[in-house]
Protein backbone atom coordinates (compact mmCIF):
# COMPACT_ATOMS: atom_id res chain seq x y z
CA MET A 1 0.04 0.04 -0.03
CA SER A 2 2.74 2.49 0.95
CA PRO A 3 4.36 2.69 -2.60
CA PHE A 4 1.11 3.73 -4.11
CA LEU A 5 0.47 6.75 -1.77
CA LYS A 6 1.64 10.21 -1.88
CA ARG A 7 3.68 11.54 1.01
CA SER A 8 0.95 13.83 2.06
CA HIS A 9 -1.58 10.93 2.12
CA LYS A 10 0.86 8.92 4.37
CA VAL A 11 1.04 12.02 6.71
CA LEU A 12 -2.69 12.18 6.72
CA TYR A 13 -2.90 8.50 7.72
CA TYR A 14 -0.38 8.84 10.29
CA ASP A 15 -2.23 11.86 11.81
CA ALA A 16 -5.70 10.22 11.61
CA VAL A 17 -5.06 6.64 12.71
CA LEU A 18 -1.58 6.14 14.16
CA LYS A 19 -1.02 9.14 16.09
CA PRO A 20 -4.33 9.03 18.12
CA SER A 21 -3.52 5.27 18.93
CA PHE A 22 -0.13 6.33 20.31
CA PHE A 23 -1.72 9.09 22.41
CA TYR A 24 -4.91 7.34 23.69
CA GLY A 25 -4.50 7.31 27.40
CA SER A 26 -0.84 8.52 27.26
CA SER A 27 -1.62 10.96 30.17
CA VAL A 28 -2.14 7.94 32.31
CA TRP A 29 0.45 5.31 31.27
CA SER A 30 3.28 7.75 29.77
CA SER A 31 5.22 7.28 33.30
CA THR A 32 5.70 3.64 32.50
CA SER A 33 9.16 2.15 32.05
CA LYS A 34 11.47 3.54 29.62
CA ALA A 35 11.40 0.36 27.40
CA ASN A 36 7.81 0.69 27.02
CA LEU A 37 8.11 4.37 25.74
CA ASP A 38 11.12 3.41 23.63
CA SER A 39 8.99 0.75 21.97
CA ILE A 40 6.35 3.40 21.03
CA LEU A 41 9.04 5.78 19.89
CA GLY A 42 10.38 2.82 17.69
CA LEU A 43 6.99 2.67 16.04
CA GLN A 44 6.98 6.46 15.48
CA GLN A 45 10.33 6.30 14.04
CA ARG A 46 9.35 3.48 11.74
CA ALA A 47 6.41 5.60 10.53
CA ALA A 48 8.65 8.39 9.70
CA ARG A 49 10.81 6.04 7.63
CA VAL A 50 7.90 4.64 5.85
CA ILE A 51 6.39 8.12 4.95
CA LEU A 52 9.66 9.51 3.67
CA ASN A 53 10.91 6.17 2.07
CA ALA A 54 13.90 6.57 4.12
CA PRO A 55 16.60 3.91 4.50
CA PHE A 56 16.63 1.96 7.98
CA ASN A 57 19.94 3.54 9.12
CA SER A 58 18.77 7.29 8.67
CA ARG A 59 18.67 9.39 11.71
CA SER A 60 15.37 9.76 13.26
CA VAL A 61 16.24 13.36 14.41
CA ASP A 62 16.46 14.39 10.66
CA LEU A 63 13.34 12.45 9.80
CA PHE A 64 11.37 14.01 12.65
CA ASN A 65 12.68 17.53 11.65
CA THR A 66 11.78 17.12 8.06
CA LEU A 67 8.04 15.99 9.14
CA ASN A 68 7.97 18.67 12.07
CA TRP A 69 7.12 16.00 14.52
CA ILE A 70 8.11 15.88 18.38
CA PRO A 71 9.12 12.57 19.58
CA PHE A 72 6.28 10.76 21.47
CA TYR A 73 7.67 10.94 25.12
CA ARG A 74 8.09 14.74 24.73
CA GLU A 75 4.55 15.20 23.35
CA SER A 76 3.09 13.06 26.04
CA HIS A 77 4.82 14.94 28.65
CA ILE A 78 3.38 18.12 27.24
CA ASN A 79 0.00 16.60 27.43
CA GLN A 80 0.59 15.63 31.10
CA CYS A 81 1.54 19.04 32.04
CA ALA A 82 -1.45 20.63 30.09
CA LEU A 83 -3.84 18.23 31.86
CA ILE A 84 -2.16 19.10 35.19
CA TYR A 85 -2.45 22.92 34.35
CA LYS A 86 -6.08 22.54 33.48
CA ARG A 87 -6.79 20.60 36.82
CA LEU A 88 -5.13 23.31 38.84
CA GLN A 89 -7.15 25.94 36.97
CA GLY A 90 -10.48 23.98 37.47
CA ASN A 91 -11.06 23.33 33.65
CA THR A 92 -11.39 19.57 33.83
CA PRO A 93 -14.47 17.38 33.94
CA ASN A 94 -15.89 16.28 37.10
CA TYR A 95 -14.73 12.77 36.95
CA LEU A 96 -11.09 14.09 36.33
CA ASN A 97 -11.56 16.26 39.41
CA GLU A 98 -12.32 13.21 41.52
CA LEU A 99 -9.24 11.29 40.21
CA LEU A 100 -6.91 14.30 40.35
CA VAL A 101 -7.27 15.52 43.85
CA ILE A 102 -5.40 18.53 44.94
CA ASN A 103 -3.52 18.07 48.05
CA SER A 104 -4.76 21.14 49.95
CA ASN A 105 -8.25 19.84 49.63
CA MET A 106 -7.52 16.40 51.11
CA HIS A 107 -6.26 17.72 54.45
CA THR A 108 -5.36 20.89 56.40
CA ARG A 109 -1.73 20.01 57.42
CA ASN A 110 0.80 22.76 56.36
CA THR A 111 3.00 21.30 53.69
CA LYS A 112 5.57 22.94 51.58
CA LEU A 113 3.78 22.35 48.30
CA ILE A 114 0.31 22.63 49.68
CA CYS A 115 -1.58 23.74 46.44
CA PHE A 116 0.39 22.16 43.61
CA VAL A 117 0.56 18.51 44.73
CA LEU A 118 -1.95 16.29 43.01
CA ASP A 119 -2.92 13.09 44.68
CA ILE A 120 -3.79 10.75 41.90
CA VAL A 121 -6.38 8.26 42.74
CA MET A 122 -5.65 5.88 40.17
CA LEU A 123 -6.01 2.86 38.45
CA ARG A 124 -5.13 -0.74 38.12
CA ARG A 125 -6.24 -0.55 34.57
CA VAL A 126 -3.13 1.31 33.36
CA VAL A 127 -1.00 -1.93 32.64
CA VAL A 128 -4.11 -3.48 30.76
CA LEU A 129 -4.53 -0.15 28.78
CA LEU A 130 -0.90 -0.11 27.78
CA GLN A 131 -0.95 -3.59 26.57
CA PHE A 132 -4.10 -2.67 24.38
CA VAL A 133 -2.61 0.10 22.92
CA LEU A 134 0.71 -1.34 22.13
CA LEU A 135 -1.04 -4.41 20.51
CA GLY A 136 -3.29 -2.23 18.47
CA ILE A 137 -0.44 -0.07 17.18
CA GLY A 138 1.37 -3.10 16.14
CA THR A 139 -1.36 -4.53 13.84
CA LEU A 140 -1.81 -0.89 12.30
CA TYR A 141 1.61 -1.12 11.29
CA GLN A 142 1.28 -4.36 9.58
CA ASP A 143 -1.16 -2.67 7.38
CA LEU A 144 1.36 -0.27 6.01
């Protein structure tokens, strides 16, 4: 399929199908091990090589610069920071307000970081979500 598509169509496919799969739930599971993050970065690097028809040994930094992409781990970190900022400003939905509780709302003890610490009431589902996303992304690459 790849040789028959223009570069713009490949980028569109990446933006519409693959990138949302990478970032689905990334705010939750992006704090996973470096090996898991590296595997997703490897998938992103492969997508860049396929889109640009680049050889396997080409530098991913050059590929990402050509496509104006940010590496997965950096973009997920930006998303995490944006989510925390929205929570501190009170711009998140109620279900997230219950999961991300501001420390000063939990107790009245005087602490150094009283307003800025979020106690995350989370989830045993993180590992299952990560496995689901990685398996789904792997099957999408077989279609390329």
